[in-house]
Protein backbone atom coordinates (compact mmCIF):
# COMPACT_ATOMS: atom_id res chain seq x y z
CA MET A 1 -0.03 -0.02 0.06
CA ALA A 2 1.38 3.29 -0.87
CA GLU A 3 2.37 5.55 2.06
CA THR A 4 0.08 8.59 2.61
CA GLN A 5 1.69 11.89 2.13
CA LYS A 6 0.62 15.42 3.49
CA LEU A 7 -1.23 17.43 0.88
CA HIS A 8 0.07 20.86 0.56
CA ILE A 9 -1.88 23.59 -1.06
CA ALA A 10 -0.60 27.15 -1.85
CA LEU A 11 -3.47 29.69 -1.81
CA PHE A 12 -3.00 32.88 -3.77
CA PRO A 13 -5.79 35.87 -2.93
CA TRP A 14 -6.43 38.67 -4.96
CA LEU A 15 -4.58 41.57 -3.58
CA ALA A 16 -7.48 43.57 -1.97
CA PHE A 17 -8.07 43.94 1.46
CA GLY A 18 -11.29 41.92 1.52
CA HIS A 19 -9.56 38.80 0.11
CA ILE A 20 -6.12 39.21 1.99
CA ILE A 21 -7.62 39.49 5.59
CA PRO A 22 -9.34 35.79 5.75
CA PHE A 23 -5.84 34.56 4.76
CA LEU A 24 -4.42 36.27 8.00
CA GLU A 25 -7.07 34.73 10.01
CA LEU A 26 -5.70 31.34 8.76
CA ALA A 27 -2.32 31.97 10.37
CA PRO A 28 -2.93 32.83 14.10
CA ASP A 29 0.55 32.43 15.25
CA TRP A 30 2.91 34.98 12.92
CA ILE A 31 2.78 36.86 9.90
CA ILE A 32 6.15 37.03 7.97
CA HIS A 33 6.26 39.83 5.61
CA ASP A 34 8.50 42.35 3.79
CA PHE A 35 8.31 46.04 3.16
CA ALA A 36 5.86 45.97 0.35
CA PRO A 37 2.71 45.75 2.38
CA HIS A 38 3.15 48.96 4.45
CA TRP A 39 -0.71 48.56 5.56
CA LEU A 40 -0.45 45.41 7.15
CA PRO A 41 0.69 46.13 10.59
CA PRO A 42 -2.54 47.69 12.17
CA ILE A 43 -4.24 44.65 10.73
CA ALA A 44 -2.13 42.06 12.23
CA THR A 45 -2.40 44.01 15.63
CA LYS A 46 -6.30 44.13 15.25
CA LEU A 47 -6.33 40.50 14.70
CA GLY A 48 -3.88 40.01 17.61
CA ILE A 49 -1.10 37.99 15.19
CA ARG A 50 2.48 38.62 15.72
CA ARG A 51 4.69 39.91 12.72
CA VAL A 52 8.11 39.09 11.55
CA PHE A 53 9.68 41.63 8.99
CA PHE A 54 11.75 39.65 6.65
CA SER A 55 14.51 41.38 4.56
CA VAL A 56 15.99 40.10 1.59
CA PHE A 57 18.43 43.25 1.94
CA ASN A 58 21.31 42.74 3.98
CA ALA A 59 21.92 44.28 7.33
CA SER A 60 24.18 47.03 6.63
CA PHE A 61 21.66 48.47 4.22
CA LEU A 62 18.93 48.15 6.66
CA CYS A 63 21.11 49.81 9.22
CA PHE A 64 22.03 52.75 6.97
CA VAL A 65 18.39 53.66 6.44
CA GLY A 66 18.01 53.94 9.92
CA PRO A 67 15.35 53.30 12.74
CA SER A 68 11.91 53.38 12.53
CA ASN A 69 9.83 56.40 13.75
CA SER A 70 8.81 55.13 17.19
CA SER A 71 12.10 53.16 17.93
CA THR A 72 13.52 53.67 21.63
CA THR A 73 17.36 53.16 21.70
CA ASP A 74 20.17 55.11 22.86
CA ALA A 75 22.16 54.11 19.46
CA VAL A 76 20.13 56.81 17.69
CA ASP A 77 21.16 60.44 17.96
CA PRO A 78 17.74 62.53 17.45
CA THR A 79 19.91 65.28 15.82
CA SER A 80 21.23 63.16 13.28
CA THR A 81 18.08 63.91 10.63
CA ARG A 82 19.51 63.62 7.05
CA THR A 83 17.97 66.26 4.58
CA GLU A 84 20.71 67.03 2.09
CA THR A 85 22.54 64.57 -0.30
CA ASP A 86 25.74 65.19 1.44
CA HIS A 87 24.33 63.74 4.57
CA PHE A 88 24.07 60.39 2.66
CA ILE A 89 27.50 60.03 1.47
CA VAL A 90 28.80 59.04 4.92
CA PRO A 91 27.93 56.35 7.27
CA PRO A 92 25.11 57.44 9.75
CA LYS A 93 25.72 58.88 13.22
CA TRP A 94 23.89 55.93 14.81
CA VAL A 95 26.91 53.75 13.41
CA PRO A 96 29.18 53.20 16.22
CA PHE A 97 32.01 51.25 14.53
CA PRO A 98 34.32 52.54 11.81
CA THR A 99 33.10 51.67 8.02
CA LYS A 100 33.06 53.09 4.71
CA ILE A 101 29.87 51.65 3.77
CA ALA A 102 27.82 54.44 2.51
CA PRO A 103 26.54 55.53 -0.98
CA ARG A 104 28.59 57.42 -3.71
CA LEU A 105 27.31 60.79 -4.37
CA PHE A 106 25.48 59.44 -7.59
CA GLU A 107 23.85 56.72 -5.80
CA ALA A 108 22.77 59.16 -2.88
CA LYS A 109 21.12 61.40 -5.60
CA LYS A 110 19.20 58.09 -6.75
CA LEU A 111 18.07 57.18 -3.26
CA ILE A 112 16.47 60.55 -2.60
CA GLY A 113 14.97 60.83 -5.97
CA ASN A 114 13.79 57.12 -6.41
CA HIS A 115 13.08 56.04 -2.89
CA MET A 116 12.59 58.90 -0.50
CA GLU A 117 9.91 60.57 -2.63
CA GLU A 118 6.70 59.36 -3.29
CA ASN A 119 6.03 57.23 -6.30
CA ALA A 120 3.11 56.21 -8.15
CA SER A 121 1.68 54.29 -5.54
CA GLY A 122 1.50 57.59 -3.25
CA VAL A 123 4.16 56.13 -0.56
CA SER A 124 7.88 55.87 -1.23
CA ASP A 125 9.88 52.77 -0.65
CA ILE A 126 11.59 54.41 2.62
CA SER A 127 8.26 55.14 3.90
CA ARG A 128 6.89 51.61 3.23
CA TYR A 129 9.84 50.13 5.07
CA MET A 130 9.57 52.17 8.28
CA GLN A 131 5.70 51.66 8.50
CA ALA A 132 6.26 47.99 7.78
CA VAL A 133 9.10 47.29 10.11
CA GLU A 134 7.62 49.54 13.10
CA GLY A 135 6.53 47.31 15.82
CA ALA A 136 7.60 43.92 14.55
CA GLY A 137 8.16 41.07 16.90
CA ALA A 138 11.45 40.45 15.33
CA LEU A 139 13.51 40.85 12.17
CA ALA A 140 14.57 37.92 10.17
CA VAL A 141 17.38 39.12 7.71
CA LYS A 142 19.08 37.18 4.77
CA THR A 143 22.44 37.27 5.97
CA CYS A 144 25.15 35.52 8.01
CA SER A 145 26.51 36.69 11.44
CA GLU A 146 30.15 35.78 10.07
CA VAL A 147 29.84 38.43 7.68
CA GLU A 148 27.60 41.00 9.29
CA GLY A 149 27.67 40.46 12.95
CA GLU A 150 28.26 43.89 13.94
CA TRP A 151 25.64 45.25 11.72
CA LEU A 152 22.95 42.59 12.89
CA LYS A 153 23.59 43.63 16.51
CA LEU A 154 23.26 47.46 15.71
CA LEU A 155 19.91 46.66 13.63
CA GLY A 156 18.28 44.97 16.73
CA GLN A 157 19.12 48.25 18.77
CA LEU A 158 17.89 50.55 16.16
CA HIS A 159 14.47 48.54 16.15
CA ASN A 160 14.48 47.34 19.92
CA ALA A 161 13.49 43.78 18.41
CA PRO A 162 15.31 40.47 18.09
CA VAL A 163 17.06 40.10 14.81
CA PHE A 164 17.66 36.71 13.37
CA PRO A 165 20.03 36.15 10.48
CA VAL A 166 18.28 33.30 8.09
CA GLY A 167 21.52 32.60 6.26
CA SER A 168 21.78 33.11 2.35
CA LEU A 169 18.82 30.50 1.83
CA PRO A 170 20.59 28.70 -0.98
CA SER A 171 18.46 27.05 -3.62
CA SER A 172 18.38 22.99 -3.25
CA ALA A 173 20.73 20.79 -5.00
CA GLN A 174 17.96 19.68 -7.07
CA GLU A 175 16.94 23.06 -8.20
CA ARG A 176 20.53 23.99 -9.11
CA GLY A 177 20.69 20.99 -11.47
CA VAL A 178 17.60 21.69 -13.28
CA ASP A 179 18.03 22.04 -17.03
CA LYS A 180 15.15 24.14 -17.87
CA ASP A 181 15.43 23.89 -21.55
CA GLY A 182 18.07 21.58 -22.25
CA THR A 183 20.74 24.30 -22.94
CA TRP A 184 23.25 23.28 -20.25
CA GLY A 185 24.93 20.64 -22.58
CA THR A 186 25.66 23.69 -25.08
CA ILE A 187 27.06 25.77 -22.25
CA VAL A 188 29.23 23.27 -20.62
CA GLU A 189 30.70 22.08 -23.86
CA TRP A 190 32.08 25.56 -24.28
CA LEU A 191 33.02 25.87 -20.69
CA ASP A 192 34.81 22.60 -20.78
CA LYS A 193 37.24 23.75 -23.47
CA ARG A 194 38.41 26.77 -21.49
CA GLU A 195 41.26 26.85 -19.01
CA LYS A 196 40.60 26.59 -15.07
CA GLY A 197 39.82 29.88 -13.50
CA SER A 198 40.13 31.78 -16.85
CA VAL A 199 36.36 32.59 -17.72
CA VAL A 200 34.59 35.64 -16.53
CA TYR A 201 30.97 35.19 -16.03
CA VAL A 202 28.70 38.41 -16.46
CA ALA A 203 25.23 38.72 -15.51
CA PHE A 204 23.19 41.51 -14.13
CA GLY A 205 20.20 39.84 -13.16
CA THR A 206 16.48 40.23 -14.30
CA GLU A 207 15.42 43.53 -12.81
CA VAL A 208 18.50 45.70 -13.72
CA GLN A 209 20.51 46.35 -16.65
CA PRO A 210 23.23 48.95 -17.44
CA SER A 211 22.31 51.88 -19.70
CA GLN A 212 23.38 51.88 -23.48
CA GLU A 213 26.26 54.01 -22.57
CA ASP A 214 27.66 51.85 -19.93
CA LEU A 215 26.49 48.66 -21.90
CA ASN A 216 29.18 49.96 -24.61
CA GLU A 217 31.90 50.65 -22.00
CA LEU A 218 31.24 47.34 -20.47
CA ALA A 219 31.39 45.46 -23.66
CA LEU A 220 34.48 47.06 -24.97
CA GLY A 221 36.39 46.66 -21.52
CA LEU A 222 35.78 43.05 -21.59
CA GLU A 223 36.90 42.89 -25.29
CA GLN A 224 40.17 44.62 -24.39
CA SER A 225 40.77 42.53 -21.41
CA GLY A 226 41.51 39.50 -23.48
CA PHE A 227 39.68 37.15 -20.81
CA PRO A 228 37.22 34.43 -22.19
CA PHE A 229 33.74 35.41 -20.98
CA PHE A 230 30.22 34.01 -20.90
CA TRP A 231 27.73 37.09 -20.81
CA ALA A 232 24.14 36.10 -19.89
CA LEU A 233 22.51 39.25 -21.49
CA ARG A 234 18.80 39.07 -21.63
CA LYS A 235 16.78 41.04 -24.00
CA ARG A 236 15.63 43.93 -21.91
CA SER A 237 11.85 44.83 -21.62
CA SER A 238 10.00 47.79 -20.23
CA SER A 239 9.78 46.40 -16.67
CA VAL A 240 13.52 46.29 -16.34
CA ILE A 241 15.47 48.91 -14.50
CA GLY A 242 17.51 50.80 -16.82
CA GLY A 243 15.45 51.79 -19.73
CA ASP A 244 14.70 50.56 -23.23
CA MET A 245 16.21 48.08 -25.48
CA ALA A 246 19.98 48.33 -25.37
CA GLU A 247 22.35 47.24 -27.95
CA LEU A 248 26.02 45.81 -27.71
CA PRO A 249 28.60 47.74 -29.90
CA GLU A 250 28.78 47.31 -33.42
CA GLY A 251 31.07 44.28 -34.52
CA PHE A 252 31.69 43.33 -30.80
CA GLU A 253 30.20 39.74 -31.26
CA GLU A 254 32.20 39.14 -34.31
CA ARG A 255 35.41 40.41 -32.86
CA THR A 256 35.07 38.14 -29.69
CA ARG A 257 33.57 35.10 -31.46
CA GLY A 258 35.38 32.07 -30.38
CA ARG A 259 36.66 33.76 -27.00
CA GLY A 260 33.22 34.90 -25.57
CA ILE A 261 29.65 33.99 -25.74
CA VAL A 262 26.66 36.61 -25.31
CA TRP A 263 23.67 34.41 -24.13
CA PRO A 264 20.31 36.11 -24.75
CA SER A 265 18.11 34.02 -22.69
CA TRP A 266 17.85 32.50 -19.37
CA ALA A 267 21.20 30.95 -17.99
CA PRO A 268 21.66 28.24 -15.21
CA GLN A 269 23.67 30.56 -13.07
CA PHE A 270 24.71 28.55 -10.36
CA ARG A 271 25.95 25.77 -12.59
CA ILE A 272 27.79 28.16 -14.52
CA LEU A 273 29.70 29.66 -11.56
CA ALA A 274 30.43 26.11 -10.26
CA HIS A 275 32.35 25.28 -13.49
CA GLU A 276 35.95 24.90 -12.78
CA SER A 277 36.75 27.45 -15.80
CA VAL A 278 34.84 30.05 -14.01
CA GLY A 279 37.37 32.46 -12.29
CA GLY A 280 35.42 35.46 -11.46
CA PHE A 281 31.89 37.14 -11.50
CA LEU A 282 31.13 40.57 -12.96
CA ASN A 283 27.95 41.58 -11.71
CA HIS A 284 25.52 44.26 -10.22
CA CYS A 285 25.98 43.22 -6.71
CA GLY A 286 22.42 41.66 -6.05
CA TRP A 287 22.59 40.09 -2.68
CA SER A 288 21.31 36.60 -3.97
CA SER A 289 23.85 36.58 -6.81
CA VAL A 290 26.64 37.35 -4.31
CA ALA A 291 25.60 34.78 -2.02
CA GLU A 292 25.61 32.20 -5.01
CA ALA A 293 29.24 33.46 -5.96
CA PHE A 294 30.39 33.04 -2.38
CA GLN A 295 29.01 29.52 -2.02
CA LEU A 296 31.52 28.65 -4.92
CA GLY A 297 34.39 30.82 -3.76
CA ARG A 298 34.11 33.17 -6.87
CA PRO A 299 35.56 36.47 -6.52
CA LEU A 300 33.48 39.73 -7.72
CA ILE A 301 34.24 42.55 -10.24
CA MET A 302 31.47 44.75 -9.27
CA LEU A 303 29.26 47.33 -11.18
CA PRO A 304 26.42 48.12 -8.74
CA ILE A 305 23.51 49.69 -10.14
CA SER A 306 20.60 50.08 -7.69
CA VAL A 307 21.35 51.91 -4.49
CA ASP A 308 21.30 48.74 -2.12
CA SER A 309 23.80 46.96 -4.35
CA GLY A 310 26.01 49.88 -4.06
CA LEU A 311 26.42 49.35 -0.38
CA ILE A 312 26.75 45.53 -0.88
CA ALA A 313 29.78 46.40 -3.10
CA ARG A 314 31.28 48.43 -0.02
CA LEU A 315 30.79 45.71 2.49
CA ILE A 316 32.39 43.15 0.06
CA GLU A 317 35.22 45.42 -0.43
CA GLU A 318 35.72 45.68 3.10
CA ARG A 319 35.76 42.23 3.14
CA GLN A 320 38.33 42.01 0.54
CA ALA A 321 36.51 39.35 -1.70
CA GLY A 322 35.89 41.60 -4.42
CA VAL A 323 36.60 45.00 -6.20
CA GLU A 324 34.31 47.68 -7.48
CA VAL A 325 34.88 49.33 -11.02
CA PRO A 326 36.01 52.91 -10.48
CA ARG A 327 33.28 55.39 -11.42
CA ASN A 328 32.55 58.93 -11.69
CA GLU A 329 31.31 60.21 -8.25
CA GLN A 330 28.75 62.69 -9.98
CA ASP A 331 27.00 60.58 -12.48
CA GLY A 332 28.33 57.00 -12.03
CA SER A 333 29.81 56.68 -15.35
CA PHE A 334 32.99 54.40 -15.87
CA THR A 335 35.45 53.85 -18.85
CA ARG A 336 36.28 50.69 -20.75
CA ASP A 337 39.86 50.86 -19.21
CA SER A 338 38.48 50.91 -15.66
CA VAL A 339 36.60 47.81 -16.62
CA THR A 340 39.63 46.04 -17.96
CA GLN A 341 42.09 47.32 -15.18
CA THR A 342 39.46 45.73 -12.55
CA LEU A 343 38.99 42.37 -14.62
CA ARG A 344 42.85 41.99 -14.75
CA LEU A 345 43.48 42.81 -10.88
CA VAL A 346 40.97 40.24 -9.83
CA MET A 347 41.40 37.49 -12.21
CA LYS A 348 44.99 37.51 -12.86
CA ASP A 349 47.38 40.09 -11.33
CA GLU A 350 49.54 38.96 -8.53
CA GLU A 351 48.24 41.94 -6.30
CA GLY A 352 44.88 40.78 -6.85
CA GLN A 353 45.53 37.45 -5.01
CA ILE A 354 44.18 38.68 -1.99
CA TYR A 355 40.65 38.92 -3.51
CA ARG A 356 40.72 35.44 -4.82
CA ASP A 357 41.79 34.14 -1.42
CA LYS A 358 39.13 35.82 0.56
CA ALA A 359 36.33 34.65 -1.64
CA LYS A 360 37.49 31.23 -1.23
CA GLU A 361 37.33 32.00 2.68
CA MET A 362 33.65 33.27 1.96
CA SER A 363 32.81 29.75 0.49
CA ALA A 364 33.40 28.35 4.20
CA ILE A 365 30.52 30.49 5.24
CA PHE A 366 28.02 30.65 2.50
CA GLY A 367 28.66 27.09 1.18
CA ASP A 368 28.50 25.43 4.67
CA GLU A 369 25.03 23.75 4.29
CA ASP A 370 24.83 22.82 8.01
CA LEU A 371 25.66 26.44 9.00
CA GLN A 372 22.99 27.60 6.84
CA ASP A 373 20.54 25.01 8.13
CA ARG A 374 21.26 25.95 11.58
CA TYR A 375 20.06 29.70 10.93
CA ALA A 376 16.94 28.52 9.49
CA ALA A 377 16.37 26.27 12.88
CA ASN A 378 17.18 29.05 15.16
CA PHE A 379 14.61 31.20 13.75
CA VAL A 380 11.95 28.32 13.53
CA GLU A 381 12.73 27.66 16.98
CA PHE A 382 12.14 31.41 17.94
CA LEU A 383 8.87 31.24 16.04
CA GLU A 384 7.57 27.97 18.06
CA ASN A 385 8.65 29.47 21.35
CA HIS A 386 7.12 32.98 21.04
CA ARG A 387 3.86 32.15 18.84
CA HIS A 388 1.43 33.11 21.89
CA VAL A 389 3.12 36.54 22.93
CA VAL A 390 1.55 39.36 21.27
CA ARG A 391 3.57 42.56 21.31
CA GLY A 392 1.90 45.94 21.91
CA LEU A 393 -1.38 44.58 22.98
């Protein structure tokens, strides 16, 4: 007789209050949410359900944003209100330890213009975060204590709440091995022909892409570096941050044929990074991509595009596991020469050995499955032990 298995059903409500509230009543112990549903806290309070604020942003970025409005902590200087662009290019006064983690000038301008001012929804991203995190029973952050221990401690002080690192939440081995459309055979055949550690893997995720000008300089920098490369460059859509369709420089693919591949569709990133021919990862510093690179000990060549990825790049530079491509402080532009020089430093030059070594050290953290499982287990244990205590009632 076949074994009886539990039935798992996923329910997806229409995103309207009348449809969502009944779902909250199905989960009386905890609600775990991110910054988007800023309207959720008062509903949870009314229903007597505790909340956990879950963040895919790393701890140093959340600390830079600052405390919620009603946080009571000696860590916050009440005179440290930031109103000008110059206030955002240095670490906040509430950070008690030395660090260089802060936006560049061009990133600070984006932060103010794109995230602190009201958008089409009528609520800014920063306001959403402040409302969503305020009064949370705990914060769960996608990070590791070994990498952001001091930031996690500060985050708890800023919000007067327990903070749990939940690790990098790596995908399962089964998910990593999925060949969605049978293309892995073509990719691995090309990678197998390259020398160990010689290939630069280039990818900027699905949500952000360089501008046309930046794409040109990036491509030409790759070309003149001389390194073999695999570039996952999906066709841009209107939903991608960065604008309309962008084109590679004229003749680029012809000139680099045989040495590089421009892959125009989905690529199995983890499997590519895991191949021994890959020696470095040129990317936008999305936190999930960074975690995958460090699981495999790959050093980073960094071109952050969004504001949070800029702070991630500073964190990685402090840990000496990657190098950011030098950019113009005013507008964020960079040159093909700066791309080439950074690639050579991280991939080949003797003085770049420190970055390759530090990235390998990171794999002992991000690639330790037992450690990552313990993070998740500790968080679940907290949820189980505190399910009946309602904060603020």
